[in-house]
Amino acid sequence: MTAPTTGSIAELVAGLPKTDLHVHLVGAASADTVLGLARRHPDAGVPTDRVALAAYYAFTDFAHFIDIYVSVNSLVRTPEDVEALVVGAAGDMGRQNVRYAELTVTPDSHLLMGIAPEAVAEALTSGRARALDEHGVELAWVFDIPGELGLVSGERTIDWVEAHAPEGTAAFGLGGPEVGVPRPQFAEVFARSRAMGLHSVPHAGETTGPETVWDALRLLGAERIGHGITSVQDSGLLGHLAAEQITLEVCPVSNVRTRAVADLAAHPLPTLLDAGVMVTLGSDDPGMFATTLNEQYVLAHDVLGVTVPALVEIARTGVRASYAGDEVKSRLLAEIDAYAATRT
């Protein structure tokens, strides 16, 4: 399989069965969803006009992105809002042929907005069932710490997970800024999550150097890394990631929009692949970045030179690196193989 024989790369990607292992619940909210919430809660200061919202999402750097993300999160004030976000995200995924996703939820953010702990879990459970019934998308949960709120938030988060984790809970993460948020402080919190049998999937190496990735591996027991793109600065780390088959969840458009990389052409995805590192493509915050998972695949090909066979292998890696059950993995891999066979 060297190139698609019919149709465009966009058409090929659209039909390719996929997973999304790096997508945030609030960041996935469509413009229509955010506008509806903003009009319902104008006190949050989020624009209620489509053009103004697009300008609001013009991020100057990663810190500015976090500020905007927090403001949009403040619109989510009821269990019904949480459920609507889940179902809306699943609808967007289903239209892109995403079969399975591990959706990152930041429960502490919803708790701080006054939603009852048990109500958050109930909304996620209801939304997950609707995602499968209405859109054919199977969801699992990654519950993450908003790093900007520090260790106290980490402790609240793991307390909530221990008491209220809904069905489908798969992993524990750490998001938000890396600068000024050292990973070692969260070691005990992650130890508690691993004691529950949860997988460790922190963000690292997005806006700081490879030492943050090392900290995530050594101190947080990371099994996958969110972003991890600065690993290319350390050949020893690249070798370790490849040898240990630690997957990086790479989100090219996100990295450009938050200014983590200067432009798409400078993105280190090809270097990671050439080093033998396992890579998935994720949409991260598609609503805020005006992107889709499918666009990550298309741009990887059109701008970064990733071949069609490599794109298909990235889709397979997404299945293998997921925390789906064996039956789901086998079915999705078979779907990908069958689809690829029709495109040769």
Protein backbone atom coordinates (compact mmCIF):
# COMPACT_ATOMS: atom_id res chain seq x y z
CA MET A 1 0.00 0.00 0.00
CA THR A 2 1.96 2.99 -1.26
CA ALA A 3 -0.85 5.40 -2.09
CA PRO A 4 -4.61 5.45 -2.24
CA THR A 5 -5.80 4.22 -5.62
CA THR A 6 -9.12 6.04 -5.54
CA GLY A 7 -10.14 9.31 -3.96
CA SER A 8 -8.10 11.77 -1.96
CA ILE A 9 -6.15 11.43 1.25
CA ALA A 10 -9.03 13.16 3.02
CA GLU A 11 -11.44 10.54 1.70
CA LEU A 12 -9.13 7.71 2.70
CA VAL A 13 -8.74 9.09 6.22
CA ALA A 14 -12.48 9.69 6.55
CA GLY A 15 -13.16 6.01 5.96
CA LEU A 16 -10.34 4.70 8.11
CA PRO A 17 -11.56 3.24 11.44
CA LYS A 18 -9.78 5.11 14.22
CA THR A 19 -9.35 5.68 17.92
CA ASP A 20 -8.76 9.00 19.68
CA LEU A 21 -6.72 8.53 22.85
CA HIS A 22 -6.02 12.22 23.49
CA VAL A 23 -9.13 14.37 23.56
CA HIS A 24 -10.44 16.58 26.38
CA LEU A 25 -14.13 16.80 27.20
CA VAL A 26 -14.39 20.59 27.51
CA GLY A 27 -11.92 21.29 24.71
CA ALA A 28 -13.91 19.05 22.38
CA ALA A 29 -17.05 21.18 22.72
CA SER A 30 -18.17 22.54 19.36
CA ALA A 31 -18.60 26.25 18.78
CA ASP A 32 -22.38 25.79 18.81
CA THR A 33 -22.21 24.05 22.18
CA VAL A 34 -19.98 26.73 23.70
CA LEU A 35 -22.13 29.55 22.31
CA GLY A 36 -25.21 27.96 23.79
CA LEU A 37 -23.59 27.68 27.20
CA ALA A 38 -22.13 31.20 26.97
CA ARG A 39 -25.56 32.66 26.23
CA ARG A 40 -26.97 30.73 29.18
CA HIS A 41 -24.18 31.98 31.48
CA PRO A 42 -23.08 35.44 30.22
CA ASP A 43 -21.40 36.23 33.54
CA ALA A 44 -18.49 33.95 32.54
CA GLY A 45 -17.25 36.48 29.99
CA VAL A 46 -17.06 33.97 27.13
CA PRO A 47 -18.21 35.52 23.83
CA THR A 48 -21.76 34.78 22.74
CA ASP A 49 -21.12 35.63 19.07
CA ARG A 50 -19.53 33.16 16.64
CA VAL A 51 -17.01 35.61 15.17
CA ALA A 52 -16.02 36.88 18.60
CA LEU A 53 -15.61 33.33 19.88
CA ALA A 54 -13.26 32.50 17.00
CA ALA A 55 -11.16 35.54 17.94
CA TYR A 56 -11.31 34.48 21.59
CA TYR A 57 -9.71 31.20 20.54
CA ALA A 58 -6.70 32.93 18.93
CA PHE A 59 -4.16 31.79 21.52
CA THR A 60 -0.97 33.77 22.00
CA ASP A 61 0.84 31.04 23.93
CA PHE A 62 0.18 28.01 26.09
CA ALA A 63 -0.53 30.05 29.24
CA HIS A 64 -3.16 32.05 27.35
CA PHE A 65 -4.72 28.82 26.13
CA ILE A 66 -5.04 27.58 29.72
CA ASP A 67 -6.71 30.85 30.76
CA ILE A 68 -9.27 30.51 27.97
CA TYR A 69 -9.82 26.82 28.70
CA VAL A 70 -10.57 27.63 32.36
CA SER A 71 -13.07 30.31 31.32
CA VAL A 72 -14.91 27.93 28.99
CA ASN A 73 -14.90 25.25 31.66
CA SER A 74 -16.69 27.71 33.96
CA LEU A 75 -19.71 27.44 31.64
CA VAL A 76 -20.21 23.80 32.66
CA ARG A 77 -22.39 24.13 35.74
CA THR A 78 -24.88 21.27 35.79
CA PRO A 79 -24.84 17.50 35.32
CA GLU A 80 -26.90 18.05 32.17
CA ASP A 81 -24.09 20.24 30.78
CA VAL A 82 -21.57 17.44 31.40
CA GLU A 83 -23.76 14.85 29.70
CA ALA A 84 -24.37 17.15 26.74
CA LEU A 85 -20.61 17.60 26.28
CA VAL A 86 -20.05 13.84 26.27
CA VAL A 87 -22.79 13.16 23.74
CA GLY A 88 -21.73 16.09 21.55
CA ALA A 89 -18.12 14.92 21.50
CA ALA A 90 -19.23 11.41 20.59
CA GLY A 91 -21.32 12.75 17.73
CA ASP A 92 -18.31 14.59 16.30
CA MET A 93 -16.20 11.45 16.68
CA GLY A 94 -18.77 9.19 15.08
CA ARG A 95 -18.90 11.41 12.00
CA GLN A 96 -15.14 10.88 11.63
CA ASN A 97 -15.28 7.09 11.89
CA VAL A 98 -13.79 7.09 15.39
CA ARG A 99 -14.84 3.78 16.89
CA TYR A 100 -13.31 4.08 20.36
CA ALA A 101 -12.00 7.02 22.38
CA GLU A 102 -10.49 7.62 25.79
CA LEU A 103 -12.03 10.92 26.77
CA THR A 104 -10.12 13.00 29.29
CA VAL A 105 -12.34 14.50 31.99
CA THR A 106 -11.17 16.89 34.71
CA PRO A 107 -13.58 16.14 37.54
CA ASP A 108 -12.13 18.72 39.92
CA SER A 109 -13.12 21.48 37.52
CA HIS A 110 -16.75 20.35 37.63
CA LEU A 111 -16.69 19.89 41.39
CA LEU A 112 -15.38 23.42 41.84
CA MET A 113 -18.34 24.69 39.79
CA GLY A 114 -20.65 23.19 42.39
CA ILE A 115 -21.74 19.98 40.68
CA ALA A 116 -22.23 17.23 43.26
CA PRO A 117 -19.58 14.48 43.15
CA GLU A 118 -22.05 11.68 42.50
CA ALA A 119 -23.84 13.77 39.87
CA VAL A 120 -20.65 14.11 37.83
CA ALA A 121 -20.29 10.32 37.76
CA GLU A 122 -23.96 9.83 36.87
CA ALA A 123 -23.76 12.33 34.01
CA LEU A 124 -20.71 10.57 32.59
CA THR A 125 -22.39 7.18 32.86
CA SER A 126 -25.50 8.41 31.07
CA GLY A 127 -23.47 10.21 28.42
CA ARG A 128 -21.33 7.14 27.78
CA ALA A 129 -24.38 4.96 27.21
CA ARG A 130 -25.85 7.51 24.80
CA ALA A 131 -22.51 7.85 22.97
CA LEU A 132 -22.61 4.17 22.09
CA ASP A 133 -26.35 3.96 21.42
CA GLU A 134 -26.65 7.16 19.37
CA HIS A 135 -23.25 7.43 17.70
CA GLY A 136 -21.62 4.00 17.83
CA VAL A 137 -18.64 5.32 19.77
CA GLU A 138 -17.33 3.37 22.74
CA LEU A 139 -15.89 5.67 25.39
CA ALA A 140 -13.49 5.08 28.25
CA TRP A 141 -12.46 7.68 30.80
CA VAL A 142 -9.15 9.29 31.65
CA PHE A 143 -9.50 11.42 34.78
CA ASP A 144 -6.84 14.10 34.97
CA ILE A 145 -5.47 16.67 37.36
CA PRO A 146 -5.55 20.32 36.23
CA GLY A 147 -1.88 21.00 36.89
CA GLU A 148 -2.35 24.73 37.39
CA LEU A 149 -4.29 24.01 40.60
CA GLY A 150 -1.43 22.04 42.13
CA LEU A 151 -1.19 19.11 44.47
CA VAL A 152 -4.37 19.97 46.39
CA SER A 153 -6.32 19.48 43.18
CA GLY A 154 -4.50 16.21 42.58
CA GLU A 155 -5.60 14.98 45.97
CA ARG A 156 -9.20 16.05 45.38
CA THR A 157 -9.14 14.33 42.01
CA ILE A 158 -7.89 10.98 43.27
CA ASP A 159 -10.30 11.17 46.23
CA TRP A 160 -13.17 11.59 43.76
CA VAL A 161 -11.93 8.75 41.55
CA GLU A 162 -11.59 6.41 44.52
CA ALA A 163 -15.15 7.19 45.64
CA HIS A 164 -17.04 7.73 42.40
CA ALA A 165 -15.19 6.29 39.38
CA PRO A 166 -17.87 5.29 36.86
CA GLU A 167 -17.87 2.25 34.61
CA GLY A 168 -15.37 2.70 31.80
CA THR A 169 -12.69 4.33 33.96
CA ALA A 170 -9.36 3.36 32.43
CA ALA A 171 -6.59 5.78 33.31
CA PHE A 172 -5.33 8.69 35.37
CA GLY A 173 -3.69 11.75 33.86
CA LEU A 174 -2.18 15.16 34.43
CA GLY A 175 -2.91 18.11 32.15
CA GLY A 176 -2.55 21.86 32.14
CA PRO A 177 0.72 23.76 32.12
CA GLU A 178 4.08 22.08 32.54
CA VAL A 179 6.11 25.21 33.30
CA GLY A 180 6.03 25.79 37.05
CA VAL A 181 4.19 22.51 37.66
CA PRO A 182 6.85 19.91 38.50
CA ARG A 183 5.74 16.32 37.98
CA PRO A 184 7.41 14.91 41.14
CA GLN A 185 4.84 16.54 43.44
CA PHE A 186 2.15 14.22 42.05
CA ALA A 187 4.02 10.96 42.63
CA GLU A 188 1.92 9.83 45.60
CA VAL A 189 -1.34 10.72 43.87
CA PHE A 190 -0.37 8.62 40.85
CA ALA A 191 0.70 5.80 43.15
CA ARG A 192 -2.82 5.78 44.57
CA SER A 193 -4.29 5.65 41.07
CA ARG A 194 -2.07 2.75 40.08
CA ALA A 195 -3.08 0.91 43.26
CA MET A 196 -6.64 1.07 41.90
CA GLY A 197 -5.47 -0.61 38.70
CA LEU A 198 -5.63 2.55 36.60
CA HIS A 199 -3.13 3.22 33.82
CA SER A 200 -0.85 6.27 34.02
CA VAL A 201 -1.10 8.70 31.08
CA PRO A 202 0.24 12.14 32.10
CA HIS A 203 1.02 15.00 29.75
CA ALA A 204 4.75 15.71 29.52
CA GLY A 205 7.24 17.11 27.06
CA GLU A 206 4.76 19.43 25.40
CA THR A 207 6.12 22.85 26.41
CA THR A 208 9.09 21.75 28.54
CA GLY A 209 12.09 19.61 27.73
CA PRO A 210 12.68 15.86 27.85
CA GLU A 211 13.38 15.94 31.59
CA THR A 212 9.61 16.28 32.13
CA VAL A 213 9.07 13.08 30.16
CA TRP A 214 11.70 11.31 32.25
CA ASP A 215 9.94 12.50 35.42
CA ALA A 216 6.61 11.19 34.12
CA LEU A 217 8.16 7.81 33.39
CA ARG A 218 10.25 7.43 36.55
CA LEU A 219 8.02 9.10 39.13
CA LEU A 220 4.48 8.79 37.80
CA GLY A 221 4.79 5.35 36.21
CA ALA A 222 3.68 6.65 32.82
CA GLU A 223 2.62 3.96 30.35
CA ARG A 224 1.70 6.46 27.64
CA ILE A 225 2.70 10.11 27.36
CA GLY A 226 0.44 12.94 26.33
CA HIS A 227 2.34 14.88 23.63
CA GLY A 228 5.98 14.07 24.53
CA ILE A 229 7.24 15.91 21.46
CA THR A 230 10.36 17.35 23.10
CA SER A 231 11.63 13.80 23.52
CA VAL A 232 13.37 14.39 20.18
CA GLN A 233 15.90 16.52 22.08
CA ASP A 234 17.24 13.44 23.92
CA SER A 235 18.42 10.49 21.84
CA GLY A 236 18.61 8.31 24.93
CA LEU A 237 14.98 9.05 25.72
CA LEU A 238 13.93 8.27 22.15
CA GLY A 239 15.70 4.94 22.41
CA HIS A 240 14.01 4.20 25.73
CA LEU A 241 10.55 5.05 24.41
CA ALA A 242 11.07 2.84 21.36
CA ALA A 243 12.55 -0.08 23.30
CA GLU A 244 9.84 -0.01 25.97
CA GLN A 245 7.05 0.60 23.43
CA ILE A 246 5.77 3.64 25.29
CA THR A 247 3.30 5.38 23.04
CA LEU A 248 3.21 9.15 22.55
CA GLU A 249 -0.18 10.78 21.97
CA VAL A 250 0.76 13.40 19.38
CA CYS A 251 -1.56 16.29 18.48
CA PRO A 252 0.04 18.36 15.70
CA VAL A 253 -2.56 21.11 15.22
CA SER A 254 -2.78 21.60 18.98
CA ASN A 255 0.97 22.09 19.20
CA VAL A 256 0.82 24.80 16.55
CA ARG A 257 -2.21 26.56 18.02
CA THR A 258 -0.66 26.77 21.51
CA ARG A 259 2.71 27.80 20.03
CA ALA A 260 4.43 24.71 21.38
CA VAL A 261 5.94 24.44 17.90
CA ALA A 262 6.54 27.35 15.55
CA ASP A 263 4.63 25.92 12.60
CA LEU A 264 3.41 22.60 11.34
CA ALA A 265 6.36 22.05 9.03
CA ALA A 266 8.62 22.13 12.09
CA HIS A 267 6.66 19.48 13.97
CA PRO A 268 8.83 16.57 15.20
CA LEU A 269 6.34 13.82 14.29
CA PRO A 270 8.53 12.47 11.45
CA THR A 271 11.56 12.35 13.74
CA LEU A 272 9.61 10.36 16.32
CA LEU A 273 8.45 7.88 13.71
CA ASP A 274 11.94 7.54 12.23
CA ALA A 275 13.26 6.74 15.73
CA GLY A 276 10.81 3.85 16.01
CA VAL A 277 8.68 5.50 18.69
CA MET A 278 5.06 4.33 18.82
CA VAL A 279 2.79 7.26 18.00
CA THR A 280 -0.93 7.88 17.94
CA LEU A 281 -2.64 10.97 16.61
CA GLY A 282 -5.08 12.80 18.87
CA SER A 283 -7.37 15.79 18.43
CA ASP A 284 -6.71 17.22 21.93
CA ASP A 285 -9.12 20.19 22.05
CA PRO A 286 -10.74 20.13 18.60
CA GLY A 287 -13.50 22.60 19.39
CA MET A 288 -11.07 25.23 20.60
CA PHE A 289 -8.51 24.57 17.87
CA ALA A 290 -11.06 24.41 15.03
CA THR A 291 -9.70 21.04 13.97
CA THR A 292 -10.65 17.37 13.81
CA LEU A 293 -8.90 14.07 14.32
CA ASN A 294 -9.16 13.45 10.59
CA GLU A 295 -7.30 16.69 9.93
CA GLN A 296 -4.36 15.46 12.03
CA TYR A 297 -4.01 12.48 9.69
CA VAL A 298 -4.37 14.54 6.52
CA LEU A 299 -1.84 17.16 7.61
CA ALA A 300 0.58 14.47 8.76
CA HIS A 301 0.55 13.22 5.18
CA ASP A 302 0.31 16.49 3.26
CA VAL A 303 2.70 18.62 5.32
CA LEU A 304 4.91 16.19 7.21
CA GLY A 305 5.26 13.53 4.56
CA VAL A 306 3.88 10.62 6.54
CA THR A 307 3.07 7.87 4.03
CA VAL A 308 -0.30 6.19 3.68
CA PRO A 309 1.02 2.89 5.11
CA ALA A 310 2.40 4.82 8.08
CA LEU A 311 -0.97 6.52 8.60
CA VAL A 312 -2.68 3.15 8.68
CA GLU A 313 -0.07 1.87 11.13
CA ILE A 314 -0.71 4.91 13.34
CA ALA A 315 -4.38 3.91 13.39
CA ARG A 316 -3.37 0.39 14.40
CA THR A 317 -1.09 1.78 17.11
CA GLY A 318 -4.04 3.71 18.50
CA VAL A 319 -5.91 0.45 18.97
CA ARG A 320 -2.97 -1.45 20.43
CA ALA A 321 -2.04 1.37 22.84
CA SER A 322 -5.62 1.80 24.00
CA TYR A 323 -7.07 0.31 27.16
CA ALA A 324 -9.99 -1.23 25.34
CA GLY A 325 -10.84 -4.85 26.00
CA ASP A 326 -9.30 -7.59 23.90
CA GLU A 327 -12.53 -8.17 21.95
CA VAL A 328 -12.79 -4.51 21.01
CA LYS A 329 -9.13 -4.38 20.00
CA SER A 330 -9.40 -7.47 17.83
CA ARG A 331 -12.51 -6.16 16.12
CA LEU A 332 -11.04 -2.72 15.43
CA LEU A 333 -7.75 -4.12 14.11
CA ALA A 334 -9.70 -6.38 11.79
CA GLU A 335 -11.73 -3.41 10.57
CA ILE A 336 -8.59 -1.40 9.88
CA ASP A 337 -6.96 -4.29 8.02
CA ALA A 338 -10.06 -4.90 5.93
CA TYR A 339 -10.33 -1.23 5.04
CA ALA A 340 -6.62 -0.96 4.17
CA ALA A 341 -6.94 -3.97 1.87
CA THR A 342 -9.58 -2.16 -0.18
CA ARG A 343 -7.30 0.84 -0.70
CA THR A 344 -4.30 -0.90 -2.23
